């Protein structure tokens, strides 16, 4: 199981909404699996990245929220995000995400390297006193794809601004890119990935803007990238008029379709 993974958790209770759990997993010789990446007040960090997709399923998602310290129900979210688990000789897998000390997500399933997707199973949420307590659903998992490619899109609420860019992958889960904004000119991109999620820096005119992004392989014919500006857990609106996600935080900047 070692490597960069994209898990999709589809609830059987909450109108089919999906969560994307992204993680860079380590595995020792005894089959013990681990990953950690605390959530901060400004969003995810490290090797665990939780995304809440808004829509019936990933192929029709229209927005996303991102995890942050304080987002886990229970009132005692300290920001810790620790995944632990095991894989046995029969490729039976158990993973547990301890989310802030107030919530756990337990995943059980089977790894079948020749299957598509290679991991499938179920999940259960424990969150005493919260609406998600006892939620169950299905899980699929695949090794992360690549961000490399050509993309195009328009910012939310601005269909006259055409943005195009190209990305190239580097070493250690990094990528770089460059593009053009029809209204503000050229820009460069750099970042690192965790599964199919990414921490992105957009540099234009000497100014840096931080974005949180997710490559959704099921949206569009070749997949699409969601990019969001983190607005804070207490935000009541987005400057660009984008709707606040129903879970997590962030303001949708744009959805870019791979060309």
C-alpha atoms as a PDB file:
ATOM      1  CA  UNK A   1       0.000   0.000   0.000  1.00  0.00           C
ATOM      2  CA  UNK A   2       2.995   2.314   0.119  1.00  0.00           C
ATOM      3  CA  UNK A   3       2.589   5.297  -2.178  1.00  0.00           C
ATOM      4  CA  UNK A   4       0.329   8.205  -2.999  1.00  0.00           C
ATOM      5  CA  UNK A   5      -3.383   7.250  -2.927  1.00  0.00           C
ATOM      6  CA  UNK A   6      -6.735   8.716  -3.917  1.00  0.00           C
ATOM      7  CA  UNK A   7      -9.634   7.189  -1.940  1.00  0.00           C
ATOM      8  CA  UNK A   8     -13.266   8.046  -2.719  1.00  0.00           C
ATOM      9  CA  UNK A   9     -15.753   7.576   0.131  1.00  0.00           C
ATOM     10  CA  UNK A  10     -19.392   7.586  -0.953  1.00  0.00           C
ATOM     11  CA  UNK A  11     -21.955   7.852   1.832  1.00  0.00           C
ATOM     12  CA  UNK A  12     -25.104   5.745   1.862  1.00  0.00           C
ATOM     13  CA  UNK A  13     -26.768   8.295   4.173  1.00  0.00           C
ATOM     14  CA  UNK A  14     -25.971  11.785   2.887  1.00  0.00           C
ATOM     15  CA  UNK A  15     -27.506  12.001  -0.589  1.00  0.00           C
ATOM     16  CA  UNK A  16     -24.547  10.344  -2.256  1.00  0.00           C
ATOM     17  CA  UNK A  17     -22.061  13.135  -1.453  1.00  0.00           C
ATOM     18  CA  UNK A  18     -18.471  11.929  -1.680  1.00  0.00           C
ATOM     19  CA  UNK A  19     -15.310  12.611   0.250  1.00  0.00           C
ATOM     20  CA  UNK A  20     -11.888  12.371  -1.341  1.00  0.00           C
ATOM     21  CA  UNK A  21      -9.294  11.142   1.146  1.00  0.00           C
ATOM     22  CA  UNK A  22      -5.811  11.755  -0.195  1.00  0.00           C
ATOM     23  CA  UNK A  23      -2.776  10.268   1.528  1.00  0.00           C
ATOM     24  CA  UNK A  24       0.851   9.376   0.999  1.00  0.00           C
ATOM     25  CA  UNK A  25       1.049   6.034   2.784  1.00  0.00           C
ATOM     26  CA  UNK A  26       4.125   4.421   4.281  1.00  0.00           C
ATOM     27  CA  UNK A  27       4.256   0.674   4.901  1.00  0.00           C
ATOM     28  CA  UNK A  28       6.824  -1.288   6.887  1.00  0.00           C
ATOM     29  CA  UNK A  29       7.907  -4.893   6.401  1.00  0.00           C
ATOM     30  CA  UNK A  30       5.302  -6.114   8.916  1.00  0.00           C
ATOM     31  CA  UNK A  31       2.426  -4.624   6.935  1.00  0.00           C
ATOM     32  CA  UNK A  32       1.865  -1.635   9.200  1.00  0.00           C
ATOM     33  CA  UNK A  33       0.569   1.410   7.310  1.00  0.00           C
ATOM     34  CA  UNK A  34       0.791   5.049   8.383  1.00  0.00           C
ATOM     35  CA  UNK A  35       0.418   8.642   7.231  1.00  0.00           C
ATOM     36  CA  UNK A  36       0.071  11.939   9.038  1.00  0.00           C
ATOM     37  CA  UNK A  37      -0.602  15.504   8.106  1.00  0.00           C
ATOM     38  CA  UNK A  38      -2.150  17.955  10.524  1.00  0.00           C
ATOM     39  CA  UNK A  39      -4.939  20.249   9.455  1.00  0.00           C
ATOM     40  CA  UNK A  40      -4.229  23.878  10.271  1.00  0.00           C
ATOM     41  CA  UNK A  41      -6.485  26.894  10.586  1.00  0.00           C
ATOM     42  CA  UNK A  42      -5.597  27.563   6.930  1.00  0.00           C
ATOM     43  CA  UNK A  43      -6.414  24.107   5.618  1.00  0.00           C
ATOM     44  CA  UNK A  44      -4.690  20.742   5.239  1.00  0.00           C
ATOM     45  CA  UNK A  45      -0.939  20.232   5.498  1.00  0.00           C
ATOM     46  CA  UNK A  46       1.360  17.245   5.283  1.00  0.00           C
ATOM     47  CA  UNK A  47       0.528  13.818   3.889  1.00  0.00           C
ATOM     48  CA  UNK A  48      -3.216  13.583   4.645  1.00  0.00           C
ATOM     49  CA  UNK A  49      -5.647  15.798   2.712  1.00  0.00           C
ATOM     50  CA  UNK A  50      -9.435  15.447   3.128  1.00  0.00           C
ATOM     51  CA  UNK A  51     -11.780  16.961   0.546  1.00  0.00           C
ATOM     52  CA  UNK A  52     -15.580  17.158   0.609  1.00  0.00           C
ATOM     53  CA  UNK A  53     -17.008  16.963  -2.911  1.00  0.00           C
ATOM     54  CA  UNK A  54     -20.348  18.660  -3.508  1.00  0.00           C
ATOM     55  CA  UNK A  55     -22.526  16.738  -5.941  1.00  0.00           C
ATOM     56  CA  UNK A  56     -24.203  13.395  -6.438  1.00  0.00           C
ATOM     57  CA  UNK A  57     -20.856  11.743  -7.225  1.00  0.00           C
ATOM     58  CA  UNK A  58     -17.355  12.741  -8.422  1.00  0.00           C
ATOM     59  CA  UNK A  59     -18.449  12.683 -12.065  1.00  0.00           C
ATOM     60  CA  UNK A  60     -20.958  15.481 -11.427  1.00  0.00           C
ATOM     61  CA  UNK A  61     -19.262  17.440  -8.639  1.00  0.00           C
ATOM     62  CA  UNK A  62     -19.698  21.217  -8.783  1.00  0.00           C
ATOM     63  CA  UNK A  63     -17.736  22.427  -5.751  1.00  0.00           C
ATOM     64  CA  UNK A  64     -15.448  21.232  -2.994  1.00  0.00           C
ATOM     65  CA  UNK A  65     -14.685  22.019   0.617  1.00  0.00           C
ATOM     66  CA  UNK A  66     -11.335  21.354   2.258  1.00  0.00           C
ATOM     67  CA  UNK A  67     -10.558  20.133   5.747  1.00  0.00           C
ATOM     68  CA  UNK A  68      -9.179  22.492   8.396  1.00  0.00           C
ATOM     69  CA  UNK A  69      -8.487  22.504  12.116  1.00  0.00           C
ATOM     70  CA  UNK A  70     -11.867  22.842  13.778  1.00  0.00           C
ATOM     71  CA  UNK A  71     -13.837  21.195  10.986  1.00  0.00           C
ATOM     72  CA  UNK A  72     -14.202  17.822  12.727  1.00  0.00           C
ATOM     73  CA  UNK A  73     -17.446  17.681  14.684  1.00  0.00           C
ATOM     74  CA  UNK A  74     -17.159  17.285  18.428  1.00  0.00           C
ATOM     75  CA  UNK A  75     -15.707  20.609  19.511  1.00  0.00           C
ATOM     76  CA  UNK A  76     -12.249  19.320  20.406  1.00  0.00           C
ATOM     77  CA  UNK A  77     -10.562  19.245  17.009  1.00  0.00           C
ATOM     78  CA  UNK A  78      -6.855  19.779  17.671  1.00  0.00           C
ATOM     79  CA  UNK A  79      -5.948  19.497  13.992  1.00  0.00           C
ATOM     80  CA  UNK A  80      -4.291  16.087  14.172  1.00  0.00           C
ATOM     81  CA  UNK A  81      -4.922  13.867  11.156  1.00  0.00           C
ATOM     82  CA  UNK A  82      -3.305  10.454  11.634  1.00  0.00           C
ATOM     83  CA  UNK A  83      -3.864   7.371   9.511  1.00  0.00           C
ATOM     84  CA  UNK A  84      -2.839   3.957  10.762  1.00  0.00           C
ATOM     85  CA  UNK A  85      -3.602   0.485   9.526  1.00  0.00           C
ATOM     86  CA  UNK A  86      -2.447  -2.922   8.414  1.00  0.00           C
ATOM     87  CA  UNK A  87      -2.387  -5.134   5.353  1.00  0.00           C
ATOM     88  CA  UNK A  88      -2.123  -8.888   5.819  1.00  0.00           C
ATOM     89  CA  UNK A  89      -0.798 -11.692   3.627  1.00  0.00           C
ATOM     90  CA  UNK A  90      -4.217 -12.020   1.964  1.00  0.00           C
ATOM     91  CA  UNK A  91      -4.203  -8.295   1.060  1.00  0.00           C
ATOM     92  CA  UNK A  92      -6.996  -7.525   3.511  1.00  0.00           C
ATOM     93  CA  UNK A  93      -6.622  -3.886   4.561  1.00  0.00           C
ATOM     94  CA  UNK A  94      -7.805  -1.931   7.580  1.00  0.00           C
ATOM     95  CA  UNK A  95      -7.192   1.833   7.771  1.00  0.00           C
ATOM     96  CA  UNK A  96      -8.265   4.269  10.467  1.00  0.00           C
ATOM     97  CA  UNK A  97      -8.157   8.044  10.147  1.00  0.00           C
ATOM     98  CA  UNK A  98      -8.181   9.710  13.557  1.00  0.00           C
ATOM     99  CA  UNK A  99      -9.473  13.190  12.838  1.00  0.00           C
ATOM    100  CA  UNK A 100      -8.789  15.716  15.547  1.00  0.00           C
ATOM    101  CA  UNK A 101      -9.412  13.345  18.413  1.00  0.00           C
ATOM    102  CA  UNK A 102     -13.173  13.753  18.007  1.00  0.00           C
ATOM    103  CA  UNK A 103     -13.846  11.609  14.960  1.00  0.00           C
ATOM    104  CA  UNK A 104     -12.556   8.399  13.394  1.00  0.00           C
ATOM    105  CA  UNK A 105     -13.118   7.000   9.921  1.00  0.00           C
ATOM    106  CA  UNK A 106     -12.470   3.265   9.677  1.00  0.00           C
ATOM    107  CA  UNK A 107     -11.942   1.709   6.252  1.00  0.00           C
ATOM    108  CA  UNK A 108     -11.834  -2.027   5.546  1.00  0.00           C
ATOM    109  CA  UNK A 109     -11.317  -3.613   2.168  1.00  0.00           C
ATOM    110  CA  UNK A 110      -9.201  -5.639  -0.203  1.00  0.00           C
ATOM    111  CA  UNK A 111      -6.219  -4.689  -2.346  1.00  0.00           C
ATOM    112  CA  UNK A 112      -6.277  -6.414  -5.734  1.00  0.00           C
ATOM    113  CA  UNK A 113      -3.471  -5.060  -7.875  1.00  0.00           C
ATOM    114  CA  UNK A 114      -4.974  -6.360 -11.129  1.00  0.00           C
ATOM    115  CA  UNK A 115      -8.411  -4.820 -10.500  1.00  0.00           C
ATOM    116  CA  UNK A 116      -9.736  -1.400 -11.491  1.00  0.00           C
ATOM    117  CA  UNK A 117      -9.816   0.242  -9.040  1.00  0.00           C
ATOM    118  CA  UNK A 118      -7.247  -1.808  -7.100  1.00  0.00           C
ATOM    119  CA  UNK A 119      -8.805  -1.124  -3.690  1.00  0.00           C
ATOM    120  CA  UNK A 120     -12.455  -1.497  -2.714  1.00  0.00           C
ATOM    121  CA  UNK A 121     -14.228  -1.756   0.594  1.00  0.00           C
ATOM    122  CA  UNK A 122     -16.465   0.043   3.059  1.00  0.00           C
ATOM    123  CA  UNK A 123     -16.154   2.749   5.706  1.00  0.00           C
ATOM    124  CA  UNK A 124     -17.765   3.627   9.032  1.00  0.00           C
ATOM    125  CA  UNK A 125     -17.613   6.971  10.850  1.00  0.00           C
ATOM    126  CA  UNK A 126     -17.571   7.296  14.615  1.00  0.00           C
ATOM    127  CA  UNK A 127     -18.358  10.845  15.784  1.00  0.00           C
ATOM    128  CA  UNK A 128     -20.339  10.741  19.039  1.00  0.00           C
ATOM    129  CA  UNK A 129     -22.978  13.458  19.243  1.00  0.00           C
ATOM    130  CA  UNK A 130     -22.600  14.439  15.575  1.00  0.00           C
ATOM    131  CA  UNK A 131     -24.835  13.959  12.565  1.00  0.00           C
ATOM    132  CA  UNK A 132     -22.195  11.866  10.813  1.00  0.00           C
ATOM    133  CA  UNK A 133     -21.937   9.379  13.684  1.00  0.00           C
ATOM    134  CA  UNK A 134     -22.606   5.891  12.365  1.00  0.00           C
ATOM    135  CA  UNK A 135     -22.469   6.927   8.717  1.00  0.00           C
ATOM    136  CA  UNK A 136     -21.398   4.104   6.412  1.00  0.00           C
ATOM    137  CA  UNK A 137     -20.647   3.775   2.742  1.00  0.00           C
ATOM    138  CA  UNK A 138     -18.424   2.415   0.032  1.00  0.00           C
ATOM    139  CA  UNK A 139     -14.758   3.121  -0.635  1.00  0.00           C
ATOM    140  CA  UNK A 140     -12.683   2.809  -3.770  1.00  0.00           C
ATOM    141  CA  UNK A 141      -9.000   3.607  -4.008  1.00  0.00           C
ATOM    142  CA  UNK A 142      -6.426   4.063  -6.745  1.00  0.00           C
ATOM    143  CA  UNK A 143      -2.844   5.142  -6.867  1.00  0.00           C
ATOM    144  CA  UNK A 144      -2.764   8.852  -7.582  1.00  0.00           C
ATOM    145  CA  UNK A 145      -2.723  10.020 -11.155  1.00  0.00           C
ATOM    146  CA  UNK A 146      -0.562  12.770 -12.575  1.00  0.00           C
ATOM    147  CA  UNK A 147      -1.352  16.466 -12.783  1.00  0.00           C
ATOM    148  CA  UNK A 148       0.702  16.713 -15.977  1.00  0.00           C
ATOM    149  CA  UNK A 149      -1.237  18.009 -18.963  1.00  0.00           C
ATOM    150  CA  UNK A 150      -2.935  20.999 -20.525  1.00  0.00           C
ATOM    151  CA  UNK A 151      -5.933  22.651 -18.844  1.00  0.00           C
ATOM    152  CA  UNK A 152      -8.450  25.390 -19.588  1.00  0.00           C
ATOM    153  CA  UNK A 153     -11.289  27.084 -17.746  1.00  0.00           C
ATOM    154  CA  UNK A 154     -12.856  30.313 -16.539  1.00  0.00           C
ATOM    155  CA  UNK A 155     -12.999  31.681 -12.972  1.00  0.00           C
ATOM    156  CA  UNK A 156     -16.251  31.339 -11.090  1.00  0.00           C
ATOM    157  CA  UNK A 157     -18.638  34.176 -12.047  1.00  0.00           C
ATOM    158  CA  UNK A 158     -16.372  35.461 -14.832  1.00  0.00           C
ATOM    159  CA  UNK A 159     -17.017  33.694 -18.119  1.00  0.00           C
ATOM    160  CA  UNK A 160     -15.136  36.313 -20.124  1.00  0.00           C
ATOM    161  CA  UNK A 161     -11.783  35.496 -18.500  1.00  0.00           C
ATOM    162  CA  UNK A 162     -10.159  32.548 -20.263  1.00  0.00           C
ATOM    163  CA  UNK A 163      -7.333  30.777 -18.441  1.00  0.00           C
ATOM    164  CA  UNK A 164      -5.061  28.133 -19.945  1.00  0.00           C
ATOM    165  CA  UNK A 165      -2.020  26.426 -18.465  1.00  0.00           C
ATOM    166  CA  UNK A 166       0.241  23.395 -18.741  1.00  0.00           C
ATOM    167  CA  UNK A 167       1.665  21.332 -15.884  1.00  0.00           C
ATOM    168  CA  UNK A 168       4.752  19.121 -15.750  1.00  0.00           C
ATOM    169  CA  UNK A 169       5.493  16.713 -12.913  1.00  0.00           C
ATOM    170  CA  UNK A 170       8.822  16.726 -11.118  1.00  0.00           C
ATOM    171  CA  UNK A 171      10.440  14.728  -8.340  1.00  0.00           C
ATOM    172  CA  UNK A 172       9.146  14.145  -4.809  1.00  0.00           C
ATOM    173  CA  UNK A 173       5.486  14.721  -5.716  1.00  0.00           C
ATOM    174  CA  UNK A 174       6.174  18.184  -7.122  1.00  0.00           C
ATOM    175  CA  UNK A 175       4.998  19.934 -10.279  1.00  0.00           C
ATOM    176  CA  UNK A 176       5.561  23.177 -12.149  1.00  0.00           C
ATOM    177  CA  UNK A 177       3.688  24.947 -14.873  1.00  0.00           C
ATOM    178  CA  UNK A 178       2.939  28.124 -16.756  1.00  0.00           C
ATOM    179  CA  UNK A 179      -0.100  29.661 -18.336  1.00  0.00           C
ATOM    180  CA  UNK A 180      -1.955  32.726 -19.490  1.00  0.00           C
ATOM    181  CA  UNK A 181      -4.931  34.637 -18.164  1.00  0.00           C
ATOM    182  CA  UNK A 182      -6.731  36.558 -20.917  1.00  0.00           C
ATOM    183  CA  UNK A 183      -7.365  39.465 -18.536  1.00  0.00           C
ATOM    184  CA  UNK A 184      -4.234  39.628 -16.399  1.00  0.00           C
ATOM    185  CA  UNK A 185      -1.533  37.990 -18.504  1.00  0.00           C
ATOM    186  CA  UNK A 186       1.038  35.245 -17.938  1.00  0.00           C
ATOM    187  CA  UNK A 187       1.605  33.355 -14.688  1.00  0.00           C
ATOM    188  CA  UNK A 188       3.588  30.438 -13.327  1.00  0.00           C
ATOM    189  CA  UNK A 189       2.520  27.579 -11.080  1.00  0.00           C
ATOM    190  CA  UNK A 190       4.346  25.343  -8.634  1.00  0.00           C
ATOM    191  CA  UNK A 191       3.236  22.909  -5.998  1.00  0.00           C
ATOM    192  CA  UNK A 192       3.284  19.513  -4.356  1.00  0.00           C
ATOM    193  CA  UNK A 193       0.718  16.741  -4.489  1.00  0.00           C
ATOM    194  CA  UNK A 194      -0.812  14.418  -1.903  1.00  0.00           C
ATOM    195  CA  UNK A 195      -2.741  11.772  -3.773  1.00  0.00           C
ATOM    196  CA  UNK A 196      -4.800  13.750  -6.279  1.00  0.00           C
ATOM    197  CA  UNK A 197      -4.811  16.877  -4.106  1.00  0.00           C
ATOM    198  CA  UNK A 198      -2.280  19.671  -4.307  1.00  0.00           C
ATOM    199  CA  UNK A 199      -0.873  22.676  -2.529  1.00  0.00           C
ATOM    200  CA  UNK A 200      -0.412  25.260  -5.297  1.00  0.00           C
ATOM    201  CA  UNK A 201       1.349  28.604  -5.589  1.00  0.00           C
ATOM    202  CA  UNK A 202       0.266  30.873  -8.452  1.00  0.00           C
ATOM    203  CA  UNK A 203       2.788  33.621  -9.242  1.00  0.00           C
ATOM    204  CA  UNK A 204       1.631  36.528 -11.410  1.00  0.00           C
ATOM    205  CA  UNK A 205       3.085  40.012 -11.582  1.00  0.00           C
ATOM    206  CA  UNK A 206       5.435  39.268  -8.705  1.00  0.00           C
ATOM    207  CA  UNK A 207       2.569  38.323  -6.386  1.00  0.00           C
ATOM    208  CA  UNK A 208       1.975  34.841  -4.961  1.00  0.00           C
ATOM    209  CA  UNK A 209      -1.484  33.350  -4.399  1.00  0.00           C
ATOM    210  CA  UNK A 210      -1.989  30.068  -2.539  1.00  0.00           C
ATOM    211  CA  UNK A 211      -4.590  27.625  -3.824  1.00  0.00           C
ATOM    212  CA  UNK A 212      -5.825  24.230  -2.662  1.00  0.00           C
ATOM    213  CA  UNK A 213      -6.636  21.939  -5.563  1.00  0.00           C
ATOM    214  CA  UNK A 214      -7.986  18.492  -6.366  1.00  0.00           C
ATOM    215  CA  UNK A 215      -7.728  16.550  -9.604  1.00  0.00           C
ATOM    216  CA  UNK A 216     -11.053  14.770 -10.116  1.00  0.00           C
ATOM    217  CA  UNK A 217     -10.382  11.985 -12.652  1.00  0.00           C
ATOM    218  CA  UNK A 218     -14.116  11.363 -13.153  1.00  0.00           C
ATOM    219  CA  UNK A 219     -15.177  14.912 -14.054  1.00  0.00           C
ATOM    220  CA  UNK A 220     -15.095  15.533 -17.787  1.00  0.00           C
ATOM    221  CA  UNK A 221     -13.655  13.348 -20.526  1.00  0.00           C
ATOM    222  CA  UNK A 222     -10.071  13.613 -19.240  1.00  0.00           C
ATOM    223  CA  UNK A 223     -10.580  14.763 -15.670  1.00  0.00           C
ATOM    224  CA  UNK A 224     -10.656  18.253 -14.161  1.00  0.00           C
ATOM    225  CA  UNK A 225      -8.892  20.282 -11.484  1.00  0.00           C
ATOM    226  CA  UNK A 226     -10.872  22.071  -8.780  1.00  0.00           C
ATOM    227  CA  UNK A 227      -9.016  25.088  -7.376  1.00  0.00           C
ATOM    228  CA  UNK A 228     -10.138  26.892  -4.233  1.00  0.00           C
ATOM    229  CA  UNK A 229      -9.017  29.851  -2.189  1.00  0.00           C
ATOM    230  CA  UNK A 230      -9.135  29.127   1.524  1.00  0.00           C
ATOM    231  CA  UNK A 231     -11.514  31.644   3.092  1.00  0.00           C
ATOM    232  CA  UNK A 232     -11.371  30.460   6.698  1.00  0.00           C
ATOM    233  CA  UNK A 233     -13.651  28.260   8.722  1.00  0.00           C
ATOM    234  CA  UNK A 234     -15.788  31.205   9.882  1.00  0.00           C
ATOM    235  CA  UNK A 235     -16.381  32.708   6.450  1.00  0.00           C
ATOM    236  CA  UNK A 236     -19.992  33.603   5.694  1.00  0.00           C
ATOM    237  CA  UNK A 237     -19.528  34.394   1.999  1.00  0.00           C
ATOM    238  CA  UNK A 238     -16.986  34.278  -0.811  1.00  0.00           C
ATOM    239  CA  UNK A 239     -15.589  37.455  -2.401  1.00  0.00           C
ATOM    240  CA  UNK A 240     -16.277  36.107  -5.904  1.00  0.00           C
ATOM    241  CA  UNK A 241     -19.835  35.055  -5.088  1.00  0.00           C
ATOM    242  CA  UNK A 242     -19.077  31.338  -5.145  1.00  0.00           C
ATOM    243  CA  UNK A 243     -21.274  29.296  -2.799  1.00  0.00           C
ATOM    244  CA  UNK A 244     -19.647  28.155   0.405  1.00  0.00           C
ATOM    245  CA  UNK A 245     -19.360  24.361   0.488  1.00  0.00           C
ATOM    246  CA  UNK A 246     -21.696  22.462   2.773  1.00  0.00           C
ATOM    247  CA  UNK A 247     -18.706  20.817   4.467  1.00  0.00           C
ATOM    248  CA  UNK A 248     -15.174  22.016   5.020  1.00  0.00           C
ATOM    249  CA  UNK A 249     -14.159  25.475   3.876  1.00  0.00           C
ATOM    250  CA  UNK A 250     -12.932  27.326   0.829  1.00  0.00           C
ATOM    251  CA  UNK A 251     -14.143  29.492  -2.044  1.00  0.00           C
ATOM    252  CA  UNK A 252     -14.175  27.879  -5.469  1.00  0.00           C
ATOM    253  CA  UNK A 253     -11.870  29.798  -7.794  1.00  0.00           C
ATOM    254  CA  UNK A 254     -12.357  27.714 -10.933  1.00  0.00           C
ATOM    255  CA  UNK A 255     -12.732  24.252 -12.425  1.00  0.00           C
ATOM    256  CA  UNK A 256     -10.170  23.557 -15.132  1.00  0.00           C
ATOM    257  CA  UNK A 257     -10.837  20.765 -17.618  1.00  0.00           C
ATOM    258  CA  UNK A 258      -7.939  18.743 -18.952  1.00  0.00           C
ATOM    259  CA  UNK A 259      -7.629  19.190 -22.713  1.00  0.00           C
END
